[in-house]
Amino acid sequence: AKLDVKPAQIALAWVLAKGITSPIIG
């Protein structure tokens, strides 16, 4: 809400920030 994006985007951005190569999305 603070960044005016969707919760799913925050969750995915967190994973991408953790040194992950390529998370699998559906």
mmCIF file of all heavy atoms, coordinates in Angstrom:
data_MODEL
# 
_entry.id   MODEL 
# 
loop_
_atom_site.group_PDB 
_atom_site.id 
_atom_site.type_symbol 
_atom_site.label_atom_id 
_atom_site.label_alt_id 
_atom_site.label_comp_id 
_atom_site.label_asym_id 
_atom_site.label_entity_id 
_atom_site.label_seq_id 
_atom_site.pdbx_PDB_ins_code 
_atom_site.Cartn_x 
_atom_site.Cartn_y 
_atom_site.Cartn_z 
_atom_site.occupancy 
_atom_site.B_iso_or_equiv 
_atom_site.pdbx_formal_charge 
_atom_site.auth_seq_id 
_atom_site.auth_comp_id 
_atom_site.auth_asym_id 
_atom_site.auth_atom_id 
_atom_site.pdbx_PDB_model_num 
ATOM 1   N N   . ALA A 1 1  ? 0.833  -1.208  0.000   1.00 0.00 ? 1  ALA A N   1 
ATOM 2   C CA  . ALA A 1 1  ? 0.000  0.000   0.000   1.00 0.00 ? 1  ALA A CA  1 
ATOM 3   C C   . ALA A 1 1  ? 0.867  1.257   0.000   1.00 0.00 ? 1  ALA A C   1 
ATOM 4   O O   . ALA A 1 1  ? 0.565  2.237   -0.690  1.00 0.00 ? 1  ALA A O   1 
ATOM 5   C CB  . ALA A 1 1  ? -0.919 -0.008  1.209   1.00 0.00 ? 1  ALA A CB  1 
ATOM 6   N N   . LYS A 1 2  ? 1.947  1.224   0.759   1.00 0.00 ? 2  LYS A N   1 
ATOM 7   C CA  . LYS A 1 2  ? 2.839  2.382   0.839   1.00 0.00 ? 2  LYS A CA  1 
ATOM 8   C C   . LYS A 1 2  ? 3.502  2.668   -0.498  1.00 0.00 ? 2  LYS A C   1 
ATOM 9   O O   . LYS A 1 2  ? 3.657  3.829   -0.897  1.00 0.00 ? 2  LYS A O   1 
ATOM 10  C CB  . LYS A 1 2  ? 3.899  2.135   1.905   1.00 0.00 ? 2  LYS A CB  1 
ATOM 11  C CG  . LYS A 1 2  ? 4.863  3.298   2.095   1.00 0.00 ? 2  LYS A CG  1 
ATOM 12  C CD  . LYS A 1 2  ? 5.857  3.006   3.208   1.00 0.00 ? 2  LYS A CD  1 
ATOM 13  C CE  . LYS A 1 2  ? 6.843  4.165   3.377   1.00 0.00 ? 2  LYS A CE  1 
ATOM 14  N NZ  . LYS A 1 2  ? 7.821  3.891   4.472   1.00 0.00 ? 2  LYS A NZ  1 
ATOM 15  N N   . LEU A 1 3  ? 3.891  1.607   -1.220  1.00 0.00 ? 3  LEU A N   1 
ATOM 16  C CA  . LEU A 1 3  ? 4.583  1.772   -2.499  1.00 0.00 ? 3  LEU A CA  1 
ATOM 17  C C   . LEU A 1 3  ? 3.630  1.803   -3.684  1.00 0.00 ? 3  LEU A C   1 
ATOM 18  O O   . LEU A 1 3  ? 4.066  1.952   -4.827  1.00 0.00 ? 3  LEU A O   1 
ATOM 19  C CB  . LEU A 1 3  ? 5.598  0.640   -2.685  1.00 0.00 ? 3  LEU A CB  1 
ATOM 20  C CG  . LEU A 1 3  ? 6.719  0.539   -1.650  1.00 0.00 ? 3  LEU A CG  1 
ATOM 21  C CD1 . LEU A 1 3  ? 7.669  -0.596  -2.007  1.00 0.00 ? 3  LEU A CD1 1 
ATOM 22  C CD2 . LEU A 1 3  ? 7.480  1.857   -1.533  1.00 0.00 ? 3  LEU A CD2 1 
ATOM 23  N N   . ASP A 1 4  ? 2.324  1.651   -3.417  1.00 0.00 ? 4  ASP A N   1 
ATOM 24  C CA  . ASP A 1 4  ? 1.292  1.650   -4.446  1.00 0.00 ? 4  ASP A CA  1 
ATOM 25  C C   . ASP A 1 4  ? 1.536  0.549   -5.475  1.00 0.00 ? 4  ASP A C   1 
ATOM 26  O O   . ASP A 1 4  ? 1.470  0.774   -6.684  1.00 0.00 ? 4  ASP A O   1 
ATOM 27  C CB  . ASP A 1 4  ? 1.213  3.022   -5.141  1.00 0.00 ? 4  ASP A CB  1 
ATOM 28  C CG  . ASP A 1 4  ? -0.063 3.157   -5.979  1.00 0.00 ? 4  ASP A CG  1 
ATOM 29  O OD1 . ASP A 1 4  ? -1.052 2.459   -5.666  1.00 0.00 ? 4  ASP A OD1 1 
ATOM 30  O OD2 . ASP A 1 4  ? -0.062 3.960   -6.938  1.00 0.00 ? 4  ASP A OD2 1 
ATOM 31  N N   . VAL A 1 5  ? 1.835  -0.644  -4.956  1.00 0.00 ? 5  VAL A N   1 
ATOM 32  C CA  . VAL A 1 5  ? 1.975  -1.821  -5.807  1.00 0.00 ? 5  VAL A CA  1 
ATOM 33  C C   . VAL A 1 5  ? 1.131  -2.934  -5.184  1.00 0.00 ? 5  VAL A C   1 
ATOM 34  O O   . VAL A 1 5  ? 0.480  -2.731  -4.161  1.00 0.00 ? 5  VAL A O   1 
ATOM 35  C CB  . VAL A 1 5  ? 3.450  -2.270  -5.944  1.00 0.00 ? 5  VAL A CB  1 
ATOM 36  C CG1 . VAL A 1 5  ? 4.280  -1.184  -6.616  1.00 0.00 ? 5  VAL A CG1 1 
ATOM 37  C CG2 . VAL A 1 5  ? 4.040  -2.629  -4.578  1.00 0.00 ? 5  VAL A CG2 1 
ATOM 38  N N   . LYS A 1 6  ? 1.147  -4.105  -5.776  1.00 0.00 ? 6  LYS A N   1 
ATOM 39  C CA  . LYS A 1 6  ? 0.345  -5.216  -5.277  1.00 0.00 ? 6  LYS A CA  1 
ATOM 40  C C   . LYS A 1 6  ? 1.151  -6.082  -4.312  1.00 0.00 ? 6  LYS A C   1 
ATOM 41  O O   . LYS A 1 6  ? 2.369  -6.193  -4.436  1.00 0.00 ? 6  LYS A O   1 
ATOM 42  C CB  . LYS A 1 6  ? -0.168 -6.057  -6.439  1.00 0.00 ? 6  LYS A CB  1 
ATOM 43  C CG  . LYS A 1 6  ? -1.121 -5.282  -7.350  1.00 0.00 ? 6  LYS A CG  1 
ATOM 44  C CD  . LYS A 1 6  ? -1.624 -6.145  -8.488  1.00 0.00 ? 6  LYS A CD  1 
ATOM 45  C CE  . LYS A 1 6  ? -2.595 -5.368  -9.366  1.00 0.00 ? 6  LYS A CE  1 
ATOM 46  N NZ  . LYS A 1 6  ? -3.082 -6.170  -10.510 1.00 0.00 ? 6  LYS A NZ  1 
ATOM 47  N N   . PRO A 1 7  ? 0.484  -6.711  -3.350  1.00 0.00 ? 7  PRO A N   1 
ATOM 48  C CA  . PRO A 1 7  ? 1.194  -7.578  -2.413  1.00 0.00 ? 7  PRO A CA  1 
ATOM 49  C C   . PRO A 1 7  ? 2.037  -8.653  -3.101  1.00 0.00 ? 7  PRO A C   1 
ATOM 50  O O   . PRO A 1 7  ? 3.158  -8.945  -2.658  1.00 0.00 ? 7  PRO A O   1 
ATOM 51  C CB  . PRO A 1 7  ? 0.056  -8.200  -1.589  1.00 0.00 ? 7  PRO A CB  1 
ATOM 52  C CG  . PRO A 1 7  ? -1.009 -7.156  -1.604  1.00 0.00 ? 7  PRO A CG  1 
ATOM 53  C CD  . PRO A 1 7  ? -0.941 -6.555  -2.989  1.00 0.00 ? 7  PRO A CD  1 
ATOM 54  N N   . ALA A 1 8  ? 1.506  -9.237  -4.167  1.00 0.00 ? 8  ALA A N   1 
ATOM 55  C CA  . ALA A 1 8  ? 2.264  -10.268 -4.879  1.00 0.00 ? 8  ALA A CA  1 
ATOM 56  C C   . ALA A 1 8  ? 3.587  -9.720  -5.393  1.00 0.00 ? 8  ALA A C   1 
ATOM 57  O O   . ALA A 1 8  ? 4.602  -10.437 -5.424  1.00 0.00 ? 8  ALA A O   1 
ATOM 58  C CB  . ALA A 1 8  ? 1.435  -10.815 -6.039  1.00 0.00 ? 8  ALA A CB  1 
ATOM 59  N N   . GLN A 1 9  ? 3.604  -8.463  -5.784  1.00 0.00 ? 9  GLN A N   1 
ATOM 60  C CA  . GLN A 1 9  ? 4.830  -7.859  -6.294  1.00 0.00 ? 9  GLN A CA  1 
ATOM 61  C C   . GLN A 1 9  ? 5.854  -7.661  -5.189  1.00 0.00 ? 9  GLN A C   1 
ATOM 62  O O   . GLN A 1 9  ? 7.054  -7.835  -5.410  1.00 0.00 ? 9  GLN A O   1 
ATOM 63  C CB  . GLN A 1 9  ? 4.504  -6.532  -6.978  1.00 0.00 ? 9  GLN A CB  1 
ATOM 64  C CG  . GLN A 1 9  ? 3.696  -6.698  -8.257  1.00 0.00 ? 9  GLN A CG  1 
ATOM 65  C CD  . GLN A 1 9  ? 3.270  -5.370  -8.846  1.00 0.00 ? 9  GLN A CD  1 
ATOM 66  O OE1 . GLN A 1 9  ? 2.505  -4.623  -8.243  1.00 0.00 ? 9  GLN A OE1 1 
ATOM 67  N NE2 . GLN A 1 9  ? 3.781  -5.070  -10.025 1.00 0.00 ? 9  GLN A NE2 1 
ATOM 68  N N   . ILE A 1 10 ? 5.395  -7.314  -4.004  1.00 0.00 ? 10 ILE A N   1 
ATOM 69  C CA  . ILE A 1 10 ? 6.307  -7.187  -2.862  1.00 0.00 ? 10 ILE A CA  1 
ATOM 70  C C   . ILE A 1 10 ? 6.905  -8.547  -2.517  1.00 0.00 ? 10 ILE A C   1 
ATOM 71  O O   . ILE A 1 10 ? 8.116  -8.680  -2.281  1.00 0.00 ? 10 ILE A O   1 
ATOM 72  C CB  . ILE A 1 10 ? 5.580  -6.590  -1.645  1.00 0.00 ? 10 ILE A CB  1 
ATOM 73  C CG1 . ILE A 1 10 ? 5.147  -5.149  -1.932  1.00 0.00 ? 10 ILE A CG1 1 
ATOM 74  C CG2 . ILE A 1 10 ? 6.474  -6.656  -0.410  1.00 0.00 ? 10 ILE A CG2 1 
ATOM 75  C CD1 . ILE A 1 10 ? 6.294  -4.183  -2.177  1.00 0.00 ? 10 ILE A CD1 1 
ATOM 76  N N   . ALA A 1 11 ? 6.065  -9.566  -2.476  1.00 0.00 ? 11 ALA A N   1 
ATOM 77  C CA  . ALA A 1 11 ? 6.540  -10.910 -2.154  1.00 0.00 ? 11 ALA A CA  1 
ATOM 78  C C   . ALA A 1 11 ? 7.587  -11.376 -3.152  1.00 0.00 ? 11 ALA A C   1 
ATOM 79  O O   . ALA A 1 11 ? 8.614  -11.965 -2.777  1.00 0.00 ? 11 ALA A O   1 
ATOM 80  C CB  . ALA A 1 11 ? 5.361  -11.883 -2.122  1.00 0.00 ? 11 ALA A CB  1 
ATOM 81  N N   . LEU A 1 12 ? 7.357  -11.114 -4.429  1.00 0.00 ? 12 LEU A N   1 
ATOM 82  C CA  . LEU A 1 12 ? 8.304  -11.527 -5.461  1.00 0.00 ? 12 LEU A CA  1 
ATOM 83  C C   . LEU A 1 12 ? 9.570  -10.674 -5.430  1.00 0.00 ? 12 LEU A C   1 
ATOM 84  O O   . LEU A 1 12 ? 10.685 -11.195 -5.603  1.00 0.00 ? 12 LEU A O   1 
ATOM 85  C CB  . LEU A 1 12 ? 7.638  -11.439 -6.836  1.00 0.00 ? 12 LEU A CB  1 
ATOM 86  C CG  . LEU A 1 12 ? 8.416  -12.015 -8.016  1.00 0.00 ? 12 LEU A CG  1 
ATOM 87  C CD1 . LEU A 1 12 ? 8.808  -13.465 -7.765  1.00 0.00 ? 12 LEU A CD1 1 
ATOM 88  C CD2 . LEU A 1 12 ? 7.590  -11.902 -9.291  1.00 0.00 ? 12 LEU A CD2 1 
ATOM 89  N N   . ALA A 1 13 ? 9.419  -9.379  -5.190  1.00 0.00 ? 13 ALA A N   1 
ATOM 90  C CA  . ALA A 1 13 ? 10.591 -8.500  -5.091  1.00 0.00 ? 13 ALA A CA  1 
ATOM 91  C C   . ALA A 1 13 ? 11.497 -8.933  -3.951  1.00 0.00 ? 13 ALA A C   1 
ATOM 92  O O   . ALA A 1 13 ? 12.732 -8.853  -4.052  1.00 0.00 ? 13 ALA A O   1 
ATOM 93  C CB  . ALA A 1 13 ? 10.147 -7.054  -4.908  1.00 0.00 ? 13 ALA A CB  1 
ATOM 94  N N   . TRP A 1 14 ? 10.900 -9.388  -2.857  1.00 0.00 ? 14 TRP A N   1 
ATOM 95  C CA  . TRP A 1 14 ? 11.702 -9.877  -1.724  1.00 0.00 ? 14 TRP A CA  1 
ATOM 96  C C   . TRP A 1 14 ? 12.525 -11.089 -2.131  1.00 0.00 ? 14 TRP A C   1 
ATOM 97  O O   . TRP A 1 14 ? 13.725 -11.171 -1.835  1.00 0.00 ? 14 TRP A O   1 
ATOM 98  C CB  . TRP A 1 14 ? 10.791 -10.226 -0.546  1.00 0.00 ? 14 TRP A CB  1 
ATOM 99  C CG  . TRP A 1 14 ? 11.552 -10.797 0.620   1.00 0.00 ? 14 TRP A CG  1 
ATOM 100 C CD1 . TRP A 1 14 ? 12.180 -10.109 1.614   1.00 0.00 ? 14 TRP A CD1 1 
ATOM 101 C CD2 . TRP A 1 14 ? 11.774 -12.190 0.890   1.00 0.00 ? 14 TRP A CD2 1 
ATOM 102 N NE1 . TRP A 1 14 ? 12.789 -10.987 2.488   1.00 0.00 ? 14 TRP A NE1 1 
ATOM 103 C CE2 . TRP A 1 14 ? 12.548 -12.271 2.065   1.00 0.00 ? 14 TRP A CE2 1 
ATOM 104 C CE3 . TRP A 1 14 ? 11.387 -13.369 0.250   1.00 0.00 ? 14 TRP A CE3 1 
ATOM 105 C CZ2 . TRP A 1 14 ? 12.953 -13.488 2.615   1.00 0.00 ? 14 TRP A CZ2 1 
ATOM 106 C CZ3 . TRP A 1 14 ? 11.796 -14.592 0.793   1.00 0.00 ? 14 TRP A CZ3 1 
ATOM 107 C CH2 . TRP A 1 14 ? 12.560 -14.635 1.962   1.00 0.00 ? 14 TRP A CH2 1 
ATOM 108 N N   . VAL A 1 15 ? 11.914 -12.048 -2.815  1.00 0.00 ? 15 VAL A N   1 
ATOM 109 C CA  . VAL A 1 15 ? 12.640 -13.235 -3.264  1.00 0.00 ? 15 VAL A CA  1 
ATOM 110 C C   . VAL A 1 15 ? 13.786 -12.836 -4.196  1.00 0.00 ? 15 VAL A C   1 
ATOM 111 O O   . VAL A 1 15 ? 14.915 -13.332 -4.072  1.00 0.00 ? 15 VAL A O   1 
ATOM 112 C CB  . VAL A 1 15 ? 11.690 -14.226 -3.964  1.00 0.00 ? 15 VAL A CB  1 
ATOM 113 C CG1 . VAL A 1 15 ? 12.467 -15.360 -4.619  1.00 0.00 ? 15 VAL A CG1 1 
ATOM 114 C CG2 . VAL A 1 15 ? 10.689 -14.799 -2.971  1.00 0.00 ? 15 VAL A CG2 1 
ATOM 115 N N   . LEU A 1 16 ? 13.502 -11.935 -5.120  1.00 0.00 ? 16 LEU A N   1 
ATOM 116 C CA  . LEU A 1 16 ? 14.529 -11.501 -6.075  1.00 0.00 ? 16 LEU A CA  1 
ATOM 117 C C   . LEU A 1 16 ? 15.682 -10.796 -5.378  1.00 0.00 ? 16 LEU A C   1 
ATOM 118 O O   . LEU A 1 16 ? 16.810 -10.791 -5.890  1.00 0.00 ? 16 LEU A O   1 
ATOM 119 C CB  . LEU A 1 16 ? 13.902 -10.576 -7.117  1.00 0.00 ? 16 LEU A CB  1 
ATOM 120 C CG  . LEU A 1 16 ? 12.964 -11.262 -8.124  1.00 0.00 ? 16 LEU A CG  1 
ATOM 121 C CD1 . LEU A 1 16 ? 12.134 -10.221 -8.867  1.00 0.00 ? 16 LEU A CD1 1 
ATOM 122 C CD2 . LEU A 1 16 ? 13.769 -12.096 -9.120  1.00 0.00 ? 16 LEU A CD2 1 
ATOM 123 N N   . ALA A 1 17 ? 15.425 -10.211 -4.213  1.00 0.00 ? 17 ALA A N   1 
ATOM 124 C CA  . ALA A 1 17 ? 16.465 -9.503  -3.467  1.00 0.00 ? 17 ALA A CA  1 
ATOM 125 C C   . ALA A 1 17 ? 17.335 -10.441 -2.638  1.00 0.00 ? 17 ALA A C   1 
ATOM 126 O O   . ALA A 1 17 ? 18.330 -9.995  -2.047  1.00 0.00 ? 17 ALA A O   1 
ATOM 127 C CB  . ALA A 1 17 ? 15.831 -8.458  -2.549  1.00 0.00 ? 17 ALA A CB  1 
ATOM 128 N N   . LYS A 1 18 ? 16.990 -11.731 -2.602  1.00 0.00 ? 18 LYS A N   1 
ATOM 129 C CA  . LYS A 1 18 ? 17.670 -12.671 -1.714  1.00 0.00 ? 18 LYS A CA  1 
ATOM 130 C C   . LYS A 1 18 ? 18.705 -13.539 -2.422  1.00 0.00 ? 18 LYS A C   1 
ATOM 131 O O   . LYS A 1 18 ? 19.066 -14.613 -1.938  1.00 0.00 ? 18 LYS A O   1 
ATOM 132 C CB  . LYS A 1 18 ? 16.635 -13.554 -1.018  1.00 0.00 ? 18 LYS A CB  1 
ATOM 133 C CG  . LYS A 1 18 ? 15.599 -12.780 -0.201  1.00 0.00 ? 18 LYS A CG  1 
ATOM 134 C CD  . LYS A 1 18 ? 16.225 -12.000 0.947   1.00 0.00 ? 18 LYS A CD  1 
ATOM 135 C CE  . LYS A 1 18 ? 16.631 -12.923 2.075   1.00 0.00 ? 18 LYS A CE  1 
ATOM 136 N NZ  . LYS A 1 18 ? 17.075 -12.164 3.279   1.00 0.00 ? 18 LYS A NZ  1 
ATOM 137 N N   . GLY A 1 19 ? 19.211 -13.101 -3.565  1.00 0.00 ? 19 GLY A N   1 
ATOM 138 C CA  . GLY A 1 19 ? 20.249 -13.847 -4.252  1.00 0.00 ? 19 GLY A CA  1 
ATOM 139 C C   . GLY A 1 19 ? 19.752 -15.028 -5.056  1.00 0.00 ? 19 GLY A C   1 
ATOM 140 O O   . GLY A 1 19 ? 20.515 -15.931 -5.414  1.00 0.00 ? 19 GLY A O   1 
ATOM 141 N N   . ILE A 1 20 ? 18.462 -15.037 -5.337  1.00 0.00 ? 20 ILE A N   1 
ATOM 142 C CA  . ILE A 1 20 ? 17.841 -16.123 -6.100  1.00 0.00 ? 20 ILE A CA  1 
ATOM 143 C C   . ILE A 1 20 ? 18.112 -15.930 -7.590  1.00 0.00 ? 20 ILE A C   1 
ATOM 144 O O   . ILE A 1 20 ? 18.111 -14.815 -8.092  1.00 0.00 ? 20 ILE A O   1 
ATOM 145 C CB  . ILE A 1 20 ? 16.328 -16.144 -5.828  1.00 0.00 ? 20 ILE A CB  1 
ATOM 146 C CG1 . ILE A 1 20 ? 16.049 -16.428 -4.348  1.00 0.00 ? 20 ILE A CG1 1 
ATOM 147 C CG2 . ILE A 1 20 ? 15.624 -17.131 -6.721  1.00 0.00 ? 20 ILE A CG2 1 
ATOM 148 C CD1 . ILE A 1 20 ? 16.648 -17.723 -3.838  1.00 0.00 ? 20 ILE A CD1 1 
ATOM 149 N N   . THR A 1 21 ? 18.325 -17.033 -8.304  1.00 0.00 ? 21 THR A N   1 
ATOM 150 C CA  . THR A 1 21 ? 18.617 -16.950 -9.736  1.00 0.00 ? 21 THR A CA  1 
ATOM 151 C C   . THR A 1 21 ? 17.380 -16.550 -10.529 1.00 0.00 ? 21 THR A C   1 
ATOM 152 O O   . THR A 1 21 ? 17.368 -15.533 -11.236 1.00 0.00 ? 21 THR A O   1 
ATOM 153 C CB  . THR A 1 21 ? 19.147 -18.298 -10.253 1.00 0.00 ? 21 THR A CB  1 
ATOM 154 O OG1 . THR A 1 21 ? 20.280 -18.699 -9.469  1.00 0.00 ? 21 THR A OG1 1 
ATOM 155 C CG2 . THR A 1 21 ? 19.565 -18.180 -11.724 1.00 0.00 ? 21 THR A CG2 1 
ATOM 156 N N   . SER A 1 22 ? 16.321 -17.365 -10.420 1.00 0.00 ? 22 SER A N   1 
ATOM 157 C CA  . SER A 1 22 ? 15.128 -17.137 -11.236 1.00 0.00 ? 22 SER A CA  1 
ATOM 158 C C   . SER A 1 22 ? 13.931 -17.831 -10.597 1.00 0.00 ? 22 SER A C   1 
ATOM 159 O O   . SER A 1 22 ? 13.733 -19.033 -10.788 1.00 0.00 ? 22 SER A O   1 
ATOM 160 C CB  . SER A 1 22 ? 15.347 -17.672 -12.655 1.00 0.00 ? 22 SER A CB  1 
ATOM 161 O OG  . SER A 1 22 ? 14.228 -17.434 -13.476 1.00 0.00 ? 22 SER A OG  1 
ATOM 162 N N   . PRO A 1 23 ? 13.115 -17.116 -9.822  1.00 0.00 ? 23 PRO A N   1 
ATOM 163 C CA  . PRO A 1 23 ? 11.948 -17.746 -9.203  1.00 0.00 ? 23 PRO A CA  1 
ATOM 164 C C   . PRO A 1 23 ? 10.916 -18.158 -10.245 1.00 0.00 ? 23 PRO A C   1 
ATOM 165 O O   . PRO A 1 23 ? 10.770 -17.520 -11.288 1.00 0.00 ? 23 PRO A O   1 
ATOM 166 C CB  . PRO A 1 23 ? 11.402 -16.648 -8.286  1.00 0.00 ? 23 PRO A CB  1 
ATOM 167 C CG  . PRO A 1 23 ? 11.896 -15.368 -8.879  1.00 0.00 ? 23 PRO A CG  1 
ATOM 168 C CD  . PRO A 1 23 ? 13.229 -15.688 -9.480  1.00 0.00 ? 23 PRO A CD  1 
ATOM 169 N N   . ILE A 1 24 ? 10.198 -19.224 -9.930  1.00 0.00 ? 24 ILE A N   1 
ATOM 170 C CA  . ILE A 1 24 ? 9.179  -19.736 -10.838 1.00 0.00 ? 24 ILE A CA  1 
ATOM 171 C C   . ILE A 1 24 ? 7.845  -19.066 -10.524 1.00 0.00 ? 24 ILE A C   1 
ATOM 172 O O   . ILE A 1 24 ? 7.356  -19.131 -9.393  1.00 0.00 ? 24 ILE A O   1 
ATOM 173 C CB  . ILE A 1 24 ? 9.043  -21.263 -10.697 1.00 0.00 ? 24 ILE A CB  1 
ATOM 174 C CG1 . ILE A 1 24 ? 10.373 -21.934 -11.063 1.00 0.00 ? 24 ILE A CG1 1 
ATOM 175 C CG2 . ILE A 1 24 ? 7.925  -21.795 -11.590 1.00 0.00 ? 24 ILE A CG2 1 
ATOM 176 C CD1 . ILE A 1 24 ? 10.414 -23.406 -10.726 1.00 0.00 ? 24 ILE A CD1 1 
ATOM 177 N N   . ILE A 1 25 ? 7.269  -18.436 -11.520 1.00 0.00 ? 25 ILE A N   1 
ATOM 178 C CA  . ILE A 1 25 ? 6.000  -17.739 -11.348 1.00 0.00 ? 25 ILE A CA  1 
ATOM 179 C C   . ILE A 1 25 ? 4.896  -18.479 -12.088 1.00 0.00 ? 25 ILE A C   1 
ATOM 180 O O   . ILE A 1 25 ? 5.125  -19.150 -13.094 1.00 0.00 ? 25 ILE A O   1 
ATOM 181 C CB  . ILE A 1 25 ? 6.073  -16.282 -11.848 1.00 0.00 ? 25 ILE A CB  1 
ATOM 182 C CG1 . ILE A 1 25 ? 6.405  -16.249 -13.350 1.00 0.00 ? 25 ILE A CG1 1 
ATOM 183 C CG2 . ILE A 1 25 ? 7.095  -15.493 -11.047 1.00 0.00 ? 25 ILE A CG2 1 
ATOM 184 C CD1 . ILE A 1 25 ? 6.174  -14.898 -13.999 1.00 0.00 ? 25 ILE A CD1 1 
ATOM 185 N N   . GLY A 1 26 ? 3.674  -18.354 -11.587 1.00 0.00 ? 26 GLY A N   1 
ATOM 186 C CA  . GLY A 1 26 ? 2.513  -18.900 -12.271 1.00 0.00 ? 26 GLY A CA  1 
ATOM 187 C C   . GLY A 1 26 ? 1.633  -17.763 -12.761 1.00 0.00 ? 26 GLY A C   1 
ATOM 188 O O   . GLY A 1 26 ? 1.647  -16.666 -12.200 1.00 0.00 ? 26 GLY A O   1 
# 
